[in-house]
C-alpha atoms as a PDB file:
ATOM      1  CA  UNK A   1     114.805 129.352 -21.057  1.00  0.00           C
ATOM      2  CA  UNK A   2     113.396 132.224 -19.079  1.00  0.00           C
ATOM      3  CA  UNK A   3     109.968 131.726 -20.733  1.00  0.00           C
ATOM      4  CA  UNK A   4     109.961 128.012 -19.902  1.00  0.00           C
ATOM      5  CA  UNK A   5     110.862 128.622 -16.255  1.00  0.00           C
ATOM      6  CA  UNK A   6     108.223 131.329 -16.003  1.00  0.00           C
ATOM      7  CA  UNK A   7     105.534 129.089 -17.480  1.00  0.00           C
ATOM      8  CA  UNK A   8     106.491 126.209 -15.185  1.00  0.00           C
ATOM      9  CA  UNK A   9     106.446 128.494 -12.142  1.00  0.00           C
ATOM     10  CA  UNK A  10     103.068 129.961 -13.045  1.00  0.00           C
ATOM     11  CA  UNK A  11     101.525 126.534 -13.789  1.00  0.00           C
ATOM     12  CA  UNK A  12     102.905 125.150 -10.532  1.00  0.00           C
ATOM     13  CA  UNK A  13     101.373 128.025  -8.553  1.00  0.00           C
ATOM     14  CA  UNK A  14      97.973 127.622 -10.203  1.00  0.00           C
ATOM     15  CA  UNK A  15      97.947 123.834  -9.857  1.00  0.00           C
ATOM     16  CA  UNK A  16      99.036 124.148  -6.208  1.00  0.00           C
ATOM     17  CA  UNK A  17      96.110 126.477  -5.546  1.00  0.00           C
ATOM     18  CA  UNK A  18      93.648 124.083  -7.216  1.00  0.00           C
ATOM     19  CA  UNK A  19      95.079 121.115  -5.331  1.00  0.00           C
ATOM     20  CA  UNK A  20      94.801 123.045  -2.058  1.00  0.00           C
ATOM     21  CA  UNK A  21      91.136 123.738  -2.751  1.00  0.00           C
ATOM     22  CA  UNK A  22      90.590 120.063  -3.578  1.00  0.00           C
ATOM     23  CA  UNK A  23      92.389 118.985  -0.397  1.00  0.00           C
ATOM     24  CA  UNK A  24      90.039 121.134   1.661  1.00  0.00           C
ATOM     25  CA  UNK A  25      87.071 119.383   0.017  1.00  0.00           C
ATOM     26  CA  UNK A  26      88.383 115.771  -0.035  1.00  0.00           C
ATOM     27  CA  UNK A  27      89.160 113.720   3.104  1.00  0.00           C
ATOM     28  CA  UNK A  28      92.775 113.066   3.999  1.00  0.00           C
ATOM     29  CA  UNK A  29      92.370 109.298   3.528  1.00  0.00           C
ATOM     30  CA  UNK A  30      91.731 109.823  -0.190  1.00  0.00           C
ATOM     31  CA  UNK A  31      95.159 111.382  -0.819  1.00  0.00           C
ATOM     32  CA  UNK A  32      98.076 109.213  -1.772  1.00  0.00           C
ATOM     33  CA  UNK A  33     101.770 109.890  -1.598  1.00  0.00           C
ATOM     34  CA  UNK A  34     101.586 111.985  -4.760  1.00  0.00           C
ATOM     35  CA  UNK A  35      98.722 114.146  -3.450  1.00  0.00           C
ATOM     36  CA  UNK A  36      95.771 112.282  -5.065  1.00  0.00           C
ATOM     37  CA  UNK A  37      94.040 108.956  -4.653  1.00  0.00           C
ATOM     38  CA  UNK A  38      92.761 107.457  -7.898  1.00  0.00           C
ATOM     39  CA  UNK A  39      89.880 105.034  -7.418  1.00  0.00           C
ATOM     40  CA  UNK A  40      88.747 102.369  -9.847  1.00  0.00           C
ATOM     41  CA  UNK A  41      85.276 102.633 -11.276  1.00  0.00           C
ATOM     42  CA  UNK A  42      83.024 100.057  -9.612  1.00  0.00           C
ATOM     43  CA  UNK A  43      79.431  99.139 -10.279  1.00  0.00           C
ATOM     44  CA  UNK A  44      77.258  99.614  -7.227  1.00  0.00           C
ATOM     45  CA  UNK A  45      73.694  98.580  -6.625  1.00  0.00           C
ATOM     46  CA  UNK A  46      71.236 101.219  -7.867  1.00  0.00           C
ATOM     47  CA  UNK A  47      73.658 104.147  -7.640  1.00  0.00           C
ATOM     48  CA  UNK A  48      72.722 107.197  -9.652  1.00  0.00           C
ATOM     49  CA  UNK A  49      75.548 109.199 -11.179  1.00  0.00           C
ATOM     50  CA  UNK A  50      75.744 112.667  -9.656  1.00  0.00           C
ATOM     51  CA  UNK A  51      77.763 115.485 -11.142  1.00  0.00           C
ATOM     52  CA  UNK A  52      78.855 117.582  -8.199  1.00  0.00           C
ATOM     53  CA  UNK A  53      81.377 119.913  -9.787  1.00  0.00           C
ATOM     54  CA  UNK A  54      79.976 122.306 -12.419  1.00  0.00           C
ATOM     55  CA  UNK A  55      81.745 122.648 -15.734  1.00  0.00           C
ATOM     56  CA  UNK A  56      82.842 126.205 -15.021  1.00  0.00           C
ATOM     57  CA  UNK A  57      84.581 125.065 -11.832  1.00  0.00           C
ATOM     58  CA  UNK A  58      86.477 122.330 -13.641  1.00  0.00           C
ATOM     59  CA  UNK A  59      88.460 124.910 -15.625  1.00  0.00           C
ATOM     60  CA  UNK A  60      91.496 126.681 -14.293  1.00  0.00           C
ATOM     61  CA  UNK A  61      90.594 130.350 -13.967  1.00  0.00           C
ATOM     62  CA  UNK A  62      93.324 132.969 -13.766  1.00  0.00           C
ATOM     63  CA  UNK A  63      94.027 136.471 -15.037  1.00  0.00           C
ATOM     64  CA  UNK A  64      95.208 135.809 -18.585  1.00  0.00           C
ATOM     65  CA  UNK A  65      95.481 139.517 -19.365  1.00  0.00           C
ATOM     66  CA  UNK A  66      97.922 140.022 -16.489  1.00  0.00           C
ATOM     67  CA  UNK A  67      99.958 137.081 -17.760  1.00  0.00           C
ATOM     68  CA  UNK A  68      99.994 138.587 -21.280  1.00  0.00           C
ATOM     69  CA  UNK A  69     101.163 141.916 -19.862  1.00  0.00           C
ATOM     70  CA  UNK A  70     103.887 140.166 -17.873  1.00  0.00           C
ATOM     71  CA  UNK A  71     105.049 138.327 -20.986  1.00  0.00           C
ATOM     72  CA  UNK A  72     105.089 141.576 -22.973  1.00  0.00           C
ATOM     73  CA  UNK A  73     107.152 143.191 -20.246  1.00  0.00           C
ATOM     74  CA  UNK A  74     109.631 140.309 -20.519  1.00  0.00           C
ATOM     75  CA  UNK A  75     110.209 140.912 -24.247  1.00  0.00           C
ATOM     76  CA  UNK A  76     107.441 138.945 -25.984  1.00  0.00           C
ATOM     77  CA  UNK A  77     105.176 140.385 -28.577  1.00  0.00           C
ATOM     78  CA  UNK A  78     101.471 140.636 -27.971  1.00  0.00           C
ATOM     79  CA  UNK A  79     100.528 137.834 -30.399  1.00  0.00           C
ATOM     80  CA  UNK A  80     103.213 135.562 -28.980  1.00  0.00           C
ATOM     81  CA  UNK A  81     102.081 136.292 -25.442  1.00  0.00           C
ATOM     82  CA  UNK A  82      98.414 135.631 -26.316  1.00  0.00           C
ATOM     83  CA  UNK A  83      99.380 132.409 -28.123  1.00  0.00           C
ATOM     84  CA  UNK A  84     101.406 131.261 -25.120  1.00  0.00           C
ATOM     85  CA  UNK A  85      98.565 132.112 -22.724  1.00  0.00           C
ATOM     86  CA  UNK A  86      95.986 130.285 -24.896  1.00  0.00           C
ATOM     87  CA  UNK A  87      98.252 127.214 -25.068  1.00  0.00           C
ATOM     88  CA  UNK A  88      98.723 127.409 -21.309  1.00  0.00           C
ATOM     89  CA  UNK A  89      94.949 127.638 -20.773  1.00  0.00           C
ATOM     90  CA  UNK A  90      94.345 124.651 -23.071  1.00  0.00           C
ATOM     91  CA  UNK A  91      97.023 122.611 -21.298  1.00  0.00           C
ATOM     92  CA  UNK A  92      95.759 123.406 -17.812  1.00  0.00           C
ATOM     93  CA  UNK A  93      92.137 122.736 -18.854  1.00  0.00           C
ATOM     94  CA  UNK A  94      93.106 119.308 -20.222  1.00  0.00           C
ATOM     95  CA  UNK A  95      95.065 118.548 -17.046  1.00  0.00           C
ATOM     96  CA  UNK A  96      92.143 119.618 -14.858  1.00  0.00           C
ATOM     97  CA  UNK A  97      89.754 117.429 -16.880  1.00  0.00           C
ATOM     98  CA  UNK A  98      92.063 114.454 -16.334  1.00  0.00           C
ATOM     99  CA  UNK A  99      92.343 115.259 -12.630  1.00  0.00           C
ATOM    100  CA  UNK A 100      88.567 115.615 -12.135  1.00  0.00           C
ATOM    101  CA  UNK A 101      87.879 112.465 -14.156  1.00  0.00           C
ATOM    102  CA  UNK A 102      90.195 110.296 -12.028  1.00  0.00           C
ATOM    103  CA  UNK A 103      89.412 111.839  -8.626  1.00  0.00           C
ATOM    104  CA  UNK A 104      86.579 111.286  -6.142  1.00  0.00           C
ATOM    105  CA  UNK A 105      85.390 114.201  -4.098  1.00  0.00           C
ATOM    106  CA  UNK A 106      84.282 114.033  -0.495  1.00  0.00           C
ATOM    107  CA  UNK A 107      80.747 115.159  -1.335  1.00  0.00           C
ATOM    108  CA  UNK A 108      80.396 112.494  -4.034  1.00  0.00           C
ATOM    109  CA  UNK A 109      81.725 109.892  -1.630  1.00  0.00           C
ATOM    110  CA  UNK A 110      79.284 111.051   1.039  1.00  0.00           C
ATOM    111  CA  UNK A 111      76.334 110.775  -1.376  1.00  0.00           C
ATOM    112  CA  UNK A 112      77.388 107.271  -2.426  1.00  0.00           C
ATOM    113  CA  UNK A 113      77.770 106.351   1.241  1.00  0.00           C
ATOM    114  CA  UNK A 114      74.298 107.710   2.003  1.00  0.00           C
ATOM    115  CA  UNK A 115      72.847 105.716  -0.893  1.00  0.00           C
ATOM    116  CA  UNK A 116      74.577 102.558   0.340  1.00  0.00           C
ATOM    117  CA  UNK A 117      73.345 103.185   3.889  1.00  0.00           C
ATOM    118  CA  UNK A 118      69.807 103.713   2.553  1.00  0.00           C
ATOM    119  CA  UNK A 119      70.003 100.403   0.702  1.00  0.00           C
ATOM    120  CA  UNK A 120      71.400  98.745   3.819  1.00  0.00           C
ATOM    121  CA  UNK A 121      68.529 100.173   5.878  1.00  0.00           C
ATOM    122  CA  UNK A 122      65.999  98.850   3.384  1.00  0.00           C
ATOM    123  CA  UNK A 123      67.718  95.457   3.378  1.00  0.00           C
ATOM    124  CA  UNK A 124      67.780  95.505   7.188  1.00  0.00           C
ATOM    125  CA  UNK A 125      64.067  96.314   7.290  1.00  0.00           C
ATOM    126  CA  UNK A 126      63.354  93.520   4.826  1.00  0.00           C
ATOM    127  CA  UNK A 127      65.446  91.148   6.923  1.00  0.00           C
ATOM    128  CA  UNK A 128      63.609  92.193  10.100  1.00  0.00           C
ATOM    129  CA  UNK A 129      60.235  91.699   8.398  1.00  0.00           C
ATOM    130  CA  UNK A 130      61.369  88.361   7.013  1.00  0.00           C
ATOM    131  CA  UNK A 131      62.739  87.341  10.390  1.00  0.00           C
ATOM    132  CA  UNK A 132      59.492  88.306  12.105  1.00  0.00           C
ATOM    133  CA  UNK A 133      57.424  86.426   9.542  1.00  0.00           C
ATOM    134  CA  UNK A 134      59.728  83.416   9.760  1.00  0.00           C
ATOM    135  CA  UNK A 135      59.632  83.590  13.555  1.00  0.00           C
ATOM    136  CA  UNK A 136      55.835  83.774  13.496  1.00  0.00           C
ATOM    137  CA  UNK A 137      55.708  80.838  11.107  1.00  0.00           C
ATOM    138  CA  UNK A 138      58.124  78.890  13.283  1.00  0.00           C
ATOM    139  CA  UNK A 139      56.084  79.741  16.379  1.00  0.00           C
ATOM    140  CA  UNK A 140      52.861  78.584  14.711  1.00  0.00           C
ATOM    141  CA  UNK A 141      54.571  75.430  13.467  1.00  0.00           C
ATOM    142  CA  UNK A 142      55.985  74.842  16.938  1.00  0.00           C
ATOM    143  CA  UNK A 143      52.563  75.307  18.532  1.00  0.00           C
ATOM    144  CA  UNK A 144      51.025  72.983  15.964  1.00  0.00           C
ATOM    145  CA  UNK A 145      53.701  70.381  16.577  1.00  0.00           C
ATOM    146  CA  UNK A 146      53.217  70.713  20.347  1.00  0.00           C
ATOM    147  CA  UNK A 147      49.466  70.139  20.002  1.00  0.00           C
ATOM    148  CA  UNK A 148      50.104  67.164  17.737  1.00  0.00           C
ATOM    149  CA  UNK A 149      52.641  65.809  20.216  1.00  0.00           C
ATOM    150  CA  UNK A 150      50.152  66.244  23.065  1.00  0.00           C
ATOM    151  CA  UNK A 151      47.502  64.427  21.045  1.00  0.00           C
ATOM    152  CA  UNK A 152      49.932  61.636  20.205  1.00  0.00           C
ATOM    153  CA  UNK A 153      51.006  61.464  23.858  1.00  0.00           C
ATOM    154  CA  UNK A 154      47.403  61.227  25.055  1.00  0.00           C
ATOM    155  CA  UNK A 155      46.664  58.616  22.416  1.00  0.00           C
ATOM    156  CA  UNK A 156      49.711  56.617  23.438  1.00  0.00           C
ATOM    157  CA  UNK A 157      48.694  56.848  27.096  1.00  0.00           C
ATOM    158  CA  UNK A 158      45.198  55.644  26.255  1.00  0.00           C
ATOM    159  CA  UNK A 159      46.547  52.823  24.116  1.00  0.00           C
ATOM    160  CA  UNK A 160      49.063  51.830  26.796  1.00  0.00           C
ATOM    161  CA  UNK A 161      46.363  51.847  29.491  1.00  0.00           C
ATOM    162  CA  UNK A 162      44.066  49.810  27.262  1.00  0.00           C
ATOM    163  CA  UNK A 163      46.837  47.334  26.465  1.00  0.00           C
ATOM    164  CA  UNK A 164      47.752  47.148  30.165  1.00  0.00           C
ATOM    165  CA  UNK A 165      44.136  46.461  31.142  1.00  0.00           C
ATOM    166  CA  UNK A 166      43.787  43.829  28.410  1.00  0.00           C
ATOM    167  CA  UNK A 167      47.066  42.263  29.488  1.00  0.00           C
ATOM    168  CA  UNK A 168      45.990  42.173  33.138  1.00  0.00           C
ATOM    169  CA  UNK A 169      42.668  40.613  32.145  1.00  0.00           C
ATOM    170  CA  UNK A 170      44.409  38.022  29.983  1.00  0.00           C
ATOM    171  CA  UNK A 171      46.887  37.273  32.769  1.00  0.00           C
ATOM    172  CA  UNK A 172      44.089  36.840  35.315  1.00  0.00           C
ATOM    173  CA  UNK A 173      42.114  34.622  32.941  1.00  0.00           C
ATOM    174  CA  UNK A 174      45.194  32.566  32.171  1.00  0.00           C
ATOM    175  CA  UNK A 175      46.017  32.325  35.868  1.00  0.00           C
ATOM    176  CA  UNK A 176      42.492  31.142  36.705  1.00  0.00           C
ATOM    177  CA  UNK A 177      42.589  28.685  33.806  1.00  0.00           C
ATOM    178  CA  UNK A 178      45.967  27.349  34.925  1.00  0.00           C
ATOM    179  CA  UNK A 179      44.691  27.098  38.503  1.00  0.00           C
ATOM    180  CA  UNK A 180      41.613  25.183  37.380  1.00  0.00           C
ATOM    181  CA  UNK A 181      43.762  22.961  35.204  1.00  0.00           C
ATOM    182  CA  UNK A 182      46.139  22.352  38.102  1.00  0.00           C
ATOM    183  CA  UNK A 183      43.301  21.441  40.471  1.00  0.00           C
ATOM    184  CA  UNK A 184      41.791  19.186  37.839  1.00  0.00           C
ATOM    185  CA  UNK A 185      45.158  17.555  37.245  1.00  0.00           C
ATOM    186  CA  UNK A 186      45.561  17.131  40.998  1.00  0.00           C
ATOM    187  CA  UNK A 187      42.144  15.488  41.168  1.00  0.00           C
ATOM    188  CA  UNK A 188      43.014  13.206  38.282  1.00  0.00           C
ATOM    189  CA  UNK A 189      46.371  12.463  39.886  1.00  0.00           C
ATOM    190  CA  UNK A 190      44.695  11.617  43.180  1.00  0.00           C
ATOM    191  CA  UNK A 191      42.227   9.367  41.398  1.00  0.00           C
ATOM    192  CA  UNK A 192      45.012   7.698  39.444  1.00  0.00           C
ATOM    193  CA  UNK A 193      47.128   7.298  42.583  1.00  0.00           C
ATOM    194  CA  UNK A 194      44.202   5.819  44.497  1.00  0.00           C
ATOM    195  CA  UNK A 195      43.435   3.495  41.613  1.00  0.00           C
ATOM    196  CA  UNK A 196      47.111   2.614  41.410  1.00  0.00           C
ATOM    197  CA  UNK A 197      47.217   1.803  45.106  1.00  0.00           C
ATOM    198  CA  UNK A 198      44.051  -0.238  44.715  1.00  0.00           C
ATOM    199  CA  UNK A 199      45.471  -2.121  41.754  1.00  0.00           C
ATOM    200  CA  UNK A 200      48.726  -2.591  43.625  1.00  0.00           C
ATOM    201  CA  UNK A 201      46.878  -4.012  46.591  1.00  0.00           C
ATOM    202  CA  UNK A 202      44.905  -6.309  44.322  1.00  0.00           C
ATOM    203  CA  UNK A 203      48.104  -7.397  42.589  1.00  0.00           C
ATOM    204  CA  UNK A 204      49.804  -8.003  45.919  1.00  0.00           C
ATOM    205  CA  UNK A 205      46.857 -10.067  47.171  1.00  0.00           C
ATOM    206  CA  UNK A 206      46.727 -12.023  43.931  1.00  0.00           C
ATOM    207  CA  UNK A 207      50.481 -12.541  44.127  1.00  0.00           C
ATOM    208  CA  UNK A 208      50.181 -13.778  47.695  1.00  0.00           C
ATOM    209  CA  UNK A 209      47.381 -16.124  46.717  1.00  0.00           C
ATOM    210  CA  UNK A 210      49.369 -17.306  43.714  1.00  0.00           C
ATOM    211  CA  UNK A 211      52.394 -17.838  45.927  1.00  0.00           C
ATOM    212  CA  UNK A 212      50.287 -19.831  48.356  1.00  0.00           C
ATOM    213  CA  UNK A 213      48.864 -21.907  45.530  1.00  0.00           C
ATOM    214  CA  UNK A 214      52.342 -22.486  44.171  1.00  0.00           C
ATOM    215  CA  UNK A 215      53.550 -23.527  47.613  1.00  0.00           C
ATOM    216  CA  UNK A 216      50.610 -25.902  47.964  1.00  0.00           C
ATOM    217  CA  UNK A 217      51.236 -27.350  44.525  1.00  0.00           C
ATOM    218  CA  UNK A 218      54.930 -27.691  45.271  1.00  0.00           C
ATOM    219  CA  UNK A 219      54.154 -29.450  48.543  1.00  0.00           C
ATOM    220  CA  UNK A 220      51.692 -31.767  46.809  1.00  0.00           C
ATOM    221  CA  UNK A 221      54.248 -32.463  44.104  1.00  0.00           C
ATOM    222  CA  UNK A 222      56.855 -33.190  46.752  1.00  0.00           C
ATOM    223  CA  UNK A 223      54.534 -35.645  48.477  1.00  0.00           C
ATOM    224  CA  UNK A 224      53.674 -37.226  45.132  1.00  0.00           C
ATOM    225  CA  UNK A 225      57.360 -37.487  44.320  1.00  0.00           C
ATOM    226  CA  UNK A 226      58.049 -39.108  47.652  1.00  0.00           C
ATOM    227  CA  UNK A 227      55.221 -41.575  47.115  1.00  0.00           C
ATOM    228  CA  UNK A 228      56.498 -42.317  43.623  1.00  0.00           C
ATOM    229  CA  UNK A 229      59.956 -42.859  45.021  1.00  0.00           C
ATOM    230  CA  UNK A 230      58.594 -45.319  47.554  1.00  0.00           C
ATOM    231  CA  UNK A 231      56.604 -47.136  44.901  1.00  0.00           C
ATOM    232  CA  UNK A 232      59.651 -47.271  42.642  1.00  0.00           C
ATOM    233  CA  UNK A 233      61.749 -48.634  45.459  1.00  0.00           C
ATOM    234  CA  UNK A 234      59.084 -51.201  46.124  1.00  0.00           C
ATOM    235  CA  UNK A 235      58.910 -52.228  42.493  1.00  0.00           C
ATOM    236  CA  UNK A 236      62.680 -52.463  42.354  1.00  0.00           C
ATOM    237  CA  UNK A 237      62.778 -54.535  45.485  1.00  0.00           C
ATOM    238  CA  UNK A 238      60.052 -56.843  44.152  1.00  0.00           C
ATOM    239  CA  UNK A 239      61.869 -57.170  40.838  1.00  0.00           C
ATOM    240  CA  UNK A 240      65.140 -57.899  42.559  1.00  0.00           C
ATOM    241  CA  UNK A 241      63.587 -60.459  44.851  1.00  0.00           C
ATOM    242  CA  UNK A 242      61.698 -62.063  41.957  1.00  0.00           C
ATOM    243  CA  UNK A 243      64.877 -62.220  39.908  1.00  0.00           C
ATOM    244  CA  UNK A 244      66.736 -63.756  42.810  1.00  0.00           C
ATOM    245  CA  UNK A 245      63.948 -66.248  43.278  1.00  0.00           C
ATOM    246  CA  UNK A 246      63.981 -67.161  39.587  1.00  0.00           C
ATOM    247  CA  UNK A 247      67.745 -67.407  39.620  1.00  0.00           C
ATOM    248  CA  UNK A 248      67.640 -69.531  42.721  1.00  0.00           C
ATOM    249  CA  UNK A 249      65.022 -71.783  41.165  1.00  0.00           C
ATOM    250  CA  UNK A 250      67.068 -72.156  37.999  1.00  0.00           C
ATOM    251  CA  UNK A 251      70.163 -72.847  40.021  1.00  0.00           C
ATOM    252  CA  UNK A 252      68.365 -75.501  42.026  1.00  0.00           C
ATOM    253  CA  UNK A 253      66.965 -77.038  38.890  1.00  0.00           C
ATOM    254  CA  UNK A 254      70.398 -77.388  37.397  1.00  0.00           C
ATOM    255  CA  UNK A 255      71.779 -78.920  40.437  1.00  0.00           C
END
């Protein structure tokens, strides 16, 4: 029991010293509630593996001879004490290997951070170069498009002016043609109206003459009818008188 408590006390002291040295090297953010922060192994871009802690520093160094003497003073034999010390050294070495394998030191973290910052700087430079080249290309494309737009604008202005001039010329020609046609139609209308008035006058005169002729014919027919009436009356009177005379002669002859 006394040997076990002694070994535990000695191991605790040595491990506490090693942990204190590691705490001075590592940042405080890398320590967890148990005293260490175990990080997962991650693949980074173009990160070279750097061994910062030499192999001789990864082993727990202490005065094994003093520990053997202390064990001998506490009733152990020399071989037992040496065997216990060798087992203790093996155990602490294995524990330190596990600790160094699962831990990240501040120097290692700083080197990885510097490598990442170097890669970020190179990426930033590439992005700046790419941005400048893209901006230059965009500027040249913009200038080219502006020149093309100016050319198209000038061409459109020329075409619009040409179309406007042609349209004005066509409108003036059409207006003059319509004016000439209107004057010609007016002339024709005046001629037709004058001819119509002339024909109307001729028709009116012919109608008047025809009316006069009809009146004359009607008057002549009336006179002829009156004469025929008189002749008919005469013939009737002669017939009546002749009949009366014949009847009177017959009557006298019978008597």
